[in-house]
Amino acid sequence: VLAGFVAQDPNTQVVGDTFTEEPYGLGMNVDDIDFVEFVNGVLEDVRSNGRWTEVYEKWLLDTGALDPPAPEPPAAVYGR
């Protein structure tokens, strides 16, 4: 997240070492099955078609906060 801020605002920088590495999550209404399936499909497409690496390289790599190559995205975990 911080590397994304740096990529968007040249007046910011990331300082110090990483505290921890933690996965991100998306919260949505569990009863909206169509939306859940749509979001899961988009995320899977990004994972499988190379877009993950493209986005990483475009928006995060040049910040200096992260190193190449793009890490594998975390495995999907589904649950309530």
PDB file of N, CA and C in Angstrom:
ATOM      1  N   VAL A   1       0.829  -1.184   0.000  1.00  0.00           N
ATOM      2  CA  VAL A   1       0.000   0.000   0.000  1.00  0.00           C
ATOM      3  C   VAL A   1       0.876   1.251   0.000  1.00  0.00           C
ATOM      4  N   LEU A   2       1.894   1.252   0.843  1.00  0.00           N
ATOM      5  CA  LEU A   2       2.753   2.438   0.900  1.00  0.00           C
ATOM      6  C   LEU A   2       3.487   2.668  -0.411  1.00  0.00           C
ATOM      7  N   ALA A   3       3.940   1.603  -1.043  1.00  0.00           N
ATOM      8  CA  ALA A   3       4.619   1.749  -2.331  1.00  0.00           C
ATOM      9  C   ALA A   3       3.673   2.358  -3.360  1.00  0.00           C
ATOM     10  N   GLY A   4       2.404   2.029  -3.265  1.00  0.00           N
ATOM     11  CA  GLY A   4       1.413   2.623  -4.155  1.00  0.00           C
ATOM     12  C   GLY A   4       1.266   4.113  -3.920  1.00  0.00           C
ATOM     13  N   PHE A   5       1.309   4.538  -2.658  1.00  0.00           N
ATOM     14  CA  PHE A   5       1.261   5.971  -2.354  1.00  0.00           C
ATOM     15  C   PHE A   5       2.464   6.685  -2.962  1.00  0.00           C
ATOM     16  N   VAL A   6       3.629   6.079  -2.812  1.00  0.00           N
ATOM     17  CA  VAL A   6       4.848   6.680  -3.353  1.00  0.00           C
ATOM     18  C   VAL A   6       4.755   6.810  -4.868  1.00  0.00           C
ATOM     19  N   ALA A   7       4.201   5.800  -5.520  1.00  0.00           N
ATOM     20  CA  ALA A   7       4.075   5.830  -6.978  1.00  0.00           C
ATOM     21  C   ALA A   7       3.169   6.969  -7.440  1.00  0.00           C
ATOM     22  N   GLN A   8       2.218   7.356  -6.607  1.00  0.00           N
ATOM     23  CA  GLN A   8       1.260   8.388  -6.987  1.00  0.00           C
ATOM     24  C   GLN A   8       1.654   9.786  -6.527  1.00  0.00           C
ATOM     25  N   ASP A   9       2.517   9.881  -5.536  1.00  0.00           N
ATOM     26  CA  ASP A   9       2.856  11.186  -4.967  1.00  0.00           C
ATOM     27  C   ASP A   9       4.368  11.302  -4.803  1.00  0.00           C
ATOM     28  N   PRO A  10       5.028  12.092  -5.649  1.00  0.00           N
ATOM     29  CA  PRO A  10       6.483  12.201  -5.583  1.00  0.00           C
ATOM     30  C   PRO A  10       6.998  12.862  -4.303  1.00  0.00           C
ATOM     31  N   ASN A  11       6.110  13.409  -3.492  1.00  0.00           N
ATOM     32  CA  ASN A  11       6.516  14.041  -2.239  1.00  0.00           C
ATOM     33  C   ASN A  11       6.528  13.070  -1.068  1.00  0.00           C
ATOM     34  N   THR A  12       6.310  11.788  -1.338  1.00  0.00           N
ATOM     35  CA  THR A  12       6.309  10.790  -0.271  1.00  0.00           C
ATOM     36  C   THR A  12       7.427   9.785  -0.507  1.00  0.00           C
ATOM     37  N   GLN A  13       7.797   9.087   0.560  1.00  0.00           N
ATOM     38  CA  GLN A  13       8.781   8.018   0.448  1.00  0.00           C
ATOM     39  C   GLN A  13       8.544   7.001   1.553  1.00  0.00           C
ATOM     40  N   VAL A  14       8.968   5.780   1.312  1.00  0.00           N
ATOM     41  CA  VAL A  14       8.891   4.722   2.316  1.00  0.00           C
ATOM     42  C   VAL A  14      10.235   4.684   3.024  1.00  0.00           C
ATOM     43  N   VAL A  15      10.220   4.723   4.337  1.00  0.00           N
ATOM     44  CA  VAL A  15      11.464   4.686   5.106  1.00  0.00           C
ATOM     45  C   VAL A  15      11.417   3.515   6.077  1.00  0.00           C
ATOM     46  N   GLY A  16      12.568   3.004   6.400  1.00  0.00           N
ATOM     47  CA  GLY A  16      12.654   1.910   7.358  1.00  0.00           C
ATOM     48  C   GLY A  16      12.367   0.563   6.731  1.00  0.00           C
ATOM     49  N   ASP A  17      12.540  -0.459   7.535  1.00  0.00           N
ATOM     50  CA  ASP A  17      12.326  -1.829   7.085  1.00  0.00           C
ATOM     51  C   ASP A  17      10.857  -2.216   7.202  1.00  0.00           C
ATOM     52  N   THR A  18      10.481  -3.234   6.441  1.00  0.00           N
ATOM     53  CA  THR A  18       9.125  -3.768   6.508  1.00  0.00           C
ATOM     54  C   THR A  18       8.914  -4.415   7.876  1.00  0.00           C
ATOM     55  N   PHE A  19       7.782  -4.140   8.510  1.00  0.00           N
ATOM     56  CA  PHE A  19       7.473  -4.757   9.797  1.00  0.00           C
ATOM     57  C   PHE A  19       7.062  -6.209   9.608  1.00  0.00           C
ATOM     58  N   THR A  20       6.058  -6.395   8.772  1.00  0.00           N
ATOM     59  CA  THR A  20       5.521  -7.732   8.522  1.00  0.00           C
ATOM     60  C   THR A  20       5.015  -7.793   7.090  1.00  0.00           C
ATOM     61  N   GLU A  21       4.770  -8.989   6.625  1.00  0.00           N
ATOM     62  CA  GLU A  21       4.117  -9.184   5.339  1.00  0.00           C
ATOM     63  C   GLU A  21       2.780  -9.858   5.614  1.00  0.00           C
ATOM     64  N   GLU A  22       1.718  -9.217   5.198  1.00  0.00           N
ATOM     65  CA  GLU A  22       0.390  -9.739   5.464  1.00  0.00           C
ATOM     66  C   GLU A  22      -0.459  -9.670   4.209  1.00  0.00           C
ATOM     67  N   PRO A  23      -1.335 -10.652   4.031  1.00  0.00           N
ATOM     68  CA  PRO A  23      -2.199 -10.643   2.840  1.00  0.00           C
ATOM     69  C   PRO A  23      -3.281  -9.571   2.957  1.00  0.00           C
ATOM     70  N   TYR A  24      -3.815  -9.216   1.823  1.00  0.00           N
ATOM     71  CA  TYR A  24      -4.933  -8.283   1.759  1.00  0.00           C
ATOM     72  C   TYR A  24      -6.219  -9.077   1.655  1.00  0.00           C
ATOM     73  N   GLY A  25      -7.312  -8.457   1.961  1.00  0.00           N
ATOM     74  CA  GLY A  25      -8.606  -9.096   1.813  1.00  0.00           C
ATOM     75  C   GLY A  25      -9.615  -8.118   1.245  1.00  0.00           C
ATOM     76  N   LEU A  26     -10.629  -8.658   0.642  1.00  0.00           N
ATOM     77  CA  LEU A  26     -11.733  -7.853   0.129  1.00  0.00           C
ATOM     78  C   LEU A  26     -12.978  -8.262   0.887  1.00  0.00           C
ATOM     79  N   GLY A  27     -13.686  -7.287   1.391  1.00  0.00           N
ATOM     80  CA  GLY A  27     -14.931  -7.572   2.079  1.00  0.00           C
ATOM     81  C   GLY A  27     -16.109  -7.185   1.210  1.00  0.00           C
ATOM     82  N   MET A  28     -17.090  -8.049   1.165  1.00  0.00           N
ATOM     83  CA  MET A  28     -18.293  -7.750   0.394  1.00  0.00           C
ATOM     84  C   MET A  28     -19.459  -8.519   0.994  1.00  0.00           C
ATOM     85  N   ASN A  29     -20.636  -8.157   0.589  1.00  0.00           N
ATOM     86  CA  ASN A  29     -21.841  -8.803   1.085  1.00  0.00           C
ATOM     87  C   ASN A  29     -21.858 -10.266   0.644  1.00  0.00           C
ATOM     88  N   VAL A  30     -21.865 -11.172   1.608  1.00  0.00           N
ATOM     89  CA  VAL A  30     -21.823 -12.600   1.279  1.00  0.00           C
ATOM     90  C   VAL A  30     -23.078 -13.064   0.557  1.00  0.00           C
ATOM     91  N   ASP A  31     -24.149 -12.299   0.659  1.00  0.00           N
ATOM     92  CA  ASP A  31     -25.383 -12.685  -0.024  1.00  0.00           C
ATOM     93  C   ASP A  31     -25.409 -12.255  -1.490  1.00  0.00           C
ATOM     94  N   ASP A  32     -24.452 -11.420  -1.894  1.00  0.00           N
ATOM     95  CA  ASP A  32     -24.392 -10.965  -3.285  1.00  0.00           C
ATOM     96  C   ASP A  32     -23.473 -11.903  -4.070  1.00  0.00           C
ATOM     97  N   ILE A  33     -23.963 -13.103  -4.308  1.00  0.00           N
ATOM     98  CA  ILE A  33     -23.180 -14.165  -4.938  1.00  0.00           C
ATOM     99  C   ILE A  33     -22.656 -13.742  -6.307  1.00  0.00           C
ATOM    100  N   ASP A  34     -23.468 -13.053  -7.098  1.00  0.00           N
ATOM    101  CA  ASP A  34     -23.024 -12.631  -8.427  1.00  0.00           C
ATOM    102  C   ASP A  34     -21.804 -11.713  -8.338  1.00  0.00           C
ATOM    103  N   PHE A  35     -21.826 -10.789  -7.398  1.00  0.00           N
ATOM    104  CA  PHE A  35     -20.700  -9.868  -7.252  1.00  0.00           C
ATOM    105  C   PHE A  35     -19.454 -10.598  -6.745  1.00  0.00           C
ATOM    106  N   VAL A  36     -19.633 -11.480  -5.784  1.00  0.00           N
ATOM    107  CA  VAL A  36     -18.513 -12.272  -5.263  1.00  0.00           C
ATOM    108  C   VAL A  36     -17.872 -13.072  -6.391  1.00  0.00           C
ATOM    109  N   GLU A  37     -18.689 -13.725  -7.204  1.00  0.00           N
ATOM    110  CA  GLU A  37     -18.152 -14.514  -8.317  1.00  0.00           C
ATOM    111  C   GLU A  37     -17.466 -13.620  -9.351  1.00  0.00           C
ATOM    112  N   PHE A  38     -18.015 -12.440  -9.602  1.00  0.00           N
ATOM    113  CA  PHE A  38     -17.393 -11.500 -10.533  1.00  0.00           C
ATOM    114  C   PHE A  38     -16.007 -11.081 -10.039  1.00  0.00           C
ATOM    115  N   VAL A  39     -15.923 -10.646  -8.784  1.00  0.00           N
ATOM    116  CA  VAL A  39     -14.645 -10.202  -8.220  1.00  0.00           C
ATOM    117  C   VAL A  39     -13.637 -11.345  -8.225  1.00  0.00           C
ATOM    118  N   ASN A  40     -14.061 -12.534  -7.817  1.00  0.00           N
ATOM    119  CA  ASN A  40     -13.157 -13.682  -7.821  1.00  0.00           C
ATOM    120  C   ASN A  40     -12.661 -13.982  -9.230  1.00  0.00           C
ATOM    121  N   GLY A  41     -13.524 -13.842 -10.220  1.00  0.00           N
ATOM    122  CA  GLY A  41     -13.133 -14.081 -11.606  1.00  0.00           C
ATOM    123  C   GLY A  41     -12.110 -13.077 -12.099  1.00  0.00           C
ATOM    124  N   VAL A  42     -12.318 -11.805 -11.762  1.00  0.00           N
ATOM    125  CA  VAL A  42     -11.360 -10.765 -12.163  1.00  0.00           C
ATOM    126  C   VAL A  42     -10.004 -11.025 -11.514  1.00  0.00           C
ATOM    127  N   LEU A  43     -10.002 -11.345 -10.237  1.00  0.00           N
ATOM    128  CA  LEU A  43      -8.740 -11.616  -9.550  1.00  0.00           C
ATOM    129  C   LEU A  43      -8.026 -12.824 -10.148  1.00  0.00           C
ATOM    130  N   GLU A  44      -8.766 -13.852 -10.490  1.00  0.00           N
ATOM    131  CA  GLU A  44      -8.154 -15.033 -11.100  1.00  0.00           C
ATOM    132  C   GLU A  44      -7.597 -14.705 -12.480  1.00  0.00           C
ATOM    133  N   ASP A  45      -8.306 -13.889 -13.253  1.00  0.00           N
ATOM    134  CA  ASP A  45      -7.791 -13.473 -14.563  1.00  0.00           C
ATOM    135  C   ASP A  45      -6.472 -12.716 -14.418  1.00  0.00           C
ATOM    136  N   VAL A  46      -6.419 -11.791 -13.473  1.00  0.00           N
ATOM    137  CA  VAL A  46      -5.199 -11.011 -13.245  1.00  0.00           C
ATOM    138  C   VAL A  46      -4.052 -11.936 -12.847  1.00  0.00           C
ATOM    139  N   ARG A  47      -4.361 -12.926 -12.070  1.00  0.00           N
ATOM    140  CA  ARG A  47      -3.350 -13.881 -11.620  1.00  0.00           C
ATOM    141  C   ARG A  47      -2.851 -14.732 -12.785  1.00  0.00           C
ATOM    142  N   SER A  48      -3.731 -15.181 -13.643  1.00  0.00           N
ATOM    143  CA  SER A  48      -3.369 -16.179 -14.656  1.00  0.00           C
ATOM    144  C   SER A  48      -2.890 -15.601 -15.986  1.00  0.00           C
ATOM    145  N   ASN A  49      -3.204 -14.341 -16.294  1.00  0.00           N
ATOM    146  CA  ASN A  49      -2.864 -13.819 -17.619  1.00  0.00           C
ATOM    147  C   ASN A  49      -1.621 -12.930 -17.664  1.00  0.00           C
ATOM    148  N   GLY A  50      -0.900 -12.843 -16.560  1.00  0.00           N
ATOM    149  CA  GLY A  50       0.314 -12.037 -16.544  1.00  0.00           C
ATOM    150  C   GLY A  50       0.110 -10.591 -16.150  1.00  0.00           C
ATOM    151  N   ARG A  51      -1.110 -10.176 -15.995  1.00  0.00           N
ATOM    152  CA  ARG A  51      -1.398  -8.779 -15.645  1.00  0.00           C
ATOM    153  C   ARG A  51      -0.845  -8.431 -14.265  1.00  0.00           C
ATOM    154  N   TRP A  52      -0.808  -9.396 -13.363  1.00  0.00           N
ATOM    155  CA  TRP A  52      -0.268  -9.194 -12.015  1.00  0.00           C
ATOM    156  C   TRP A  52       1.151  -8.626 -12.099  1.00  0.00           C
ATOM    157  N   THR A  53       1.993  -9.274 -12.898  1.00  0.00           N
ATOM    158  CA  THR A  53       3.374  -8.827 -13.058  1.00  0.00           C
ATOM    159  C   THR A  53       3.429  -7.468 -13.740  1.00  0.00           C
ATOM    160  N   GLU A  54       2.604  -7.269 -14.741  1.00  0.00           N
ATOM    161  CA  GLU A  54       2.568  -5.991 -15.459  1.00  0.00           C
ATOM    162  C   GLU A  54       2.213  -4.840 -14.519  1.00  0.00           C
ATOM    163  N   VAL A  55       1.204  -5.017 -13.700  1.00  0.00           N
ATOM    164  CA  VAL A  55       0.783  -3.974 -12.755  1.00  0.00           C
ATOM    165  C   VAL A  55       1.875  -3.731 -11.719  1.00  0.00           C
ATOM    166  N   TYR A  56       2.462  -4.798 -11.220  1.00  0.00           N
ATOM    167  CA  TYR A  56       3.545  -4.682 -10.238  1.00  0.00           C
ATOM    168  C   TYR A  56       4.684  -3.847 -10.805  1.00  0.00           C
ATOM    169  N   GLU A  57       5.103  -4.195 -12.022  1.00  0.00           N
ATOM    170  CA  GLU A  57       6.227  -3.486 -12.633  1.00  0.00           C
ATOM    171  C   GLU A  57       5.887  -2.029 -12.941  1.00  0.00           C
ATOM    172  N   LYS A  58       4.671  -1.763 -13.372  1.00  0.00           N
ATOM    173  CA  LYS A  58       4.288  -0.395 -13.724  1.00  0.00           C
ATOM    174  C   LYS A  58       4.147   0.501 -12.500  1.00  0.00           C
ATOM    175  N   TRP A  59       3.493   0.004 -11.454  1.00  0.00           N
ATOM    176  CA  TRP A  59       3.118   0.872 -10.342  1.00  0.00           C
ATOM    177  C   TRP A  59       3.975   0.729  -9.091  1.00  0.00           C
ATOM    178  N   LEU A  60       4.653  -0.379  -8.915  1.00  0.00           N
ATOM    179  CA  LEU A  60       5.361  -0.591  -7.655  1.00  0.00           C
ATOM    180  C   LEU A  60       6.872  -0.689  -7.779  1.00  0.00           C
ATOM    181  N   LEU A  61       7.356  -1.264  -8.853  1.00  0.00           N
ATOM    182  CA  LEU A  61       8.788  -1.522  -8.969  1.00  0.00           C
ATOM    183  C   LEU A  61       9.613  -0.244  -8.962  1.00  0.00           C
ATOM    184  N   ASP A  62       9.181   0.780  -9.653  1.00  0.00           N
ATOM    185  CA  ASP A  62       9.951   2.017  -9.750  1.00  0.00           C
ATOM    186  C   ASP A  62       9.961   2.843  -8.470  1.00  0.00           C
ATOM    187  N   THR A  63       9.204   2.443  -7.471  1.00  0.00           N
ATOM    188  CA  THR A  63       9.193   3.198  -6.220  1.00  0.00           C
ATOM    189  C   THR A  63      10.460   2.961  -5.423  1.00  0.00           C
ATOM    190  N   GLY A  64      11.157   1.859  -5.705  1.00  0.00           N
ATOM    191  CA  GLY A  64      12.336   1.503  -4.927  1.00  0.00           C
ATOM    192  C   GLY A  64      11.997   0.806  -3.633  1.00  0.00           C
ATOM    193  N   ALA A  65      10.724   0.692  -3.316  1.00  0.00           N
ATOM    194  CA  ALA A  65      10.318   0.047  -2.072  1.00  0.00           C
ATOM    195  C   ALA A  65      10.263  -1.468  -2.209  1.00  0.00           C
ATOM    196  N   LEU A  66      10.164  -1.947  -3.438  1.00  0.00           N
ATOM    197  CA  LEU A  66      10.039  -3.380  -3.670  1.00  0.00           C
ATOM    198  C   LEU A  66      11.092  -3.826  -4.669  1.00  0.00           C
ATOM    199  N   ASP A  67      11.402  -5.102  -4.636  1.00  0.00           N
ATOM    200  CA  ASP A  67      12.411  -5.661  -5.527  1.00  0.00           C
ATOM    201  C   ASP A  67      11.770  -6.552  -6.575  1.00  0.00           C
ATOM    202  N   PRO A  68      12.411  -6.648  -7.762  1.00  0.00           N
ATOM    203  CA  PRO A  68      11.931  -7.605  -8.765  1.00  0.00           C
ATOM    204  C   PRO A  68      12.351  -9.003  -8.346  1.00  0.00           C
ATOM    205  N   PRO A  69      11.772 -10.024  -8.859  1.00  0.00           N
ATOM    206  CA  PRO A  69      10.576 -10.007  -9.693  1.00  0.00           C
ATOM    207  C   PRO A  69       9.325  -9.858  -8.839  1.00  0.00           C
ATOM    208  N   ALA A  70       8.205  -9.671  -9.492  1.00  0.00           N
ATOM    209  CA  ALA A  70       6.936  -9.569  -8.769  1.00  0.00           C
ATOM    210  C   ALA A  70       6.696 -10.859  -7.997  1.00  0.00           C
ATOM    211  N   PRO A  71       6.318 -10.759  -6.730  1.00  0.00           N
ATOM    212  CA  PRO A  71       6.018 -11.973  -5.973  1.00  0.00           C
ATOM    213  C   PRO A  71       4.742 -12.619  -6.491  1.00  0.00           C
ATOM    214  N   GLU A  72       4.629 -13.898  -6.266  1.00  0.00           N
ATOM    215  CA  GLU A  72       3.381 -14.574  -6.617  1.00  0.00           C
ATOM    216  C   GLU A  72       2.268 -14.021  -5.737  1.00  0.00           C
ATOM    217  N   PRO A  73       1.098 -13.805  -6.301  1.00  0.00           N
ATOM    218  CA  PRO A  73      -0.012 -13.364  -5.451  1.00  0.00           C
ATOM    219  C   PRO A  73      -0.365 -14.470  -4.467  1.00  0.00           C
ATOM    220  N   PRO A  74      -0.862 -14.104  -3.308  1.00  0.00           N
ATOM    221  CA  PRO A  74      -1.229 -15.134  -2.344  1.00  0.00           C
ATOM    222  C   PRO A  74      -2.363 -15.996  -2.878  1.00  0.00           C
ATOM    223  N   ALA A  75      -2.409 -17.216  -2.412  1.00  0.00           N
ATOM    224  CA  ALA A  75      -3.479 -18.126  -2.811  1.00  0.00           C
ATOM    225  C   ALA A  75      -4.815 -17.591  -2.321  1.00  0.00           C
ATOM    226  N   ALA A  76      -5.823 -17.795  -3.121  1.00  0.00           N
ATOM    227  CA  ALA A  76      -7.166 -17.360  -2.738  1.00  0.00           C
ATOM    228  C   ALA A  76      -7.658 -18.188  -1.557  1.00  0.00           C
ATOM    229  N   VAL A  77      -8.289 -17.522  -0.620  1.00  0.00           N
ATOM    230  CA  VAL A  77      -8.891 -18.187   0.534  1.00  0.00           C
ATOM    231  C   VAL A  77     -10.331 -17.720   0.600  1.00  0.00           C
ATOM    232  N   TYR A  78     -11.236 -18.644   0.571  1.00  0.00           N
ATOM    233  CA  TYR A  78     -12.654 -18.302   0.582  1.00  0.00           C
ATOM    234  C   TYR A  78     -13.260 -18.740   1.904  1.00  0.00           C
ATOM    235  N   GLY A  79     -14.071 -17.907   2.463  1.00  0.00           N
ATOM    236  CA  GLY A  79     -14.718 -18.271   3.710  1.00  0.00           C
ATOM    237  C   GLY A  79     -15.488 -17.103   4.268  1.00  0.00           C
ATOM    238  N   ARG A  80     -16.193 -17.376   5.308  1.00  0.00           N
ATOM    239  CA  ARG A  80     -16.978 -16.336   5.970  1.00  0.00           C
ATOM    240  C   ARG A  80     -16.431 -16.109   7.339  1.00  0.00           C
TER     241      ARG A  80
END
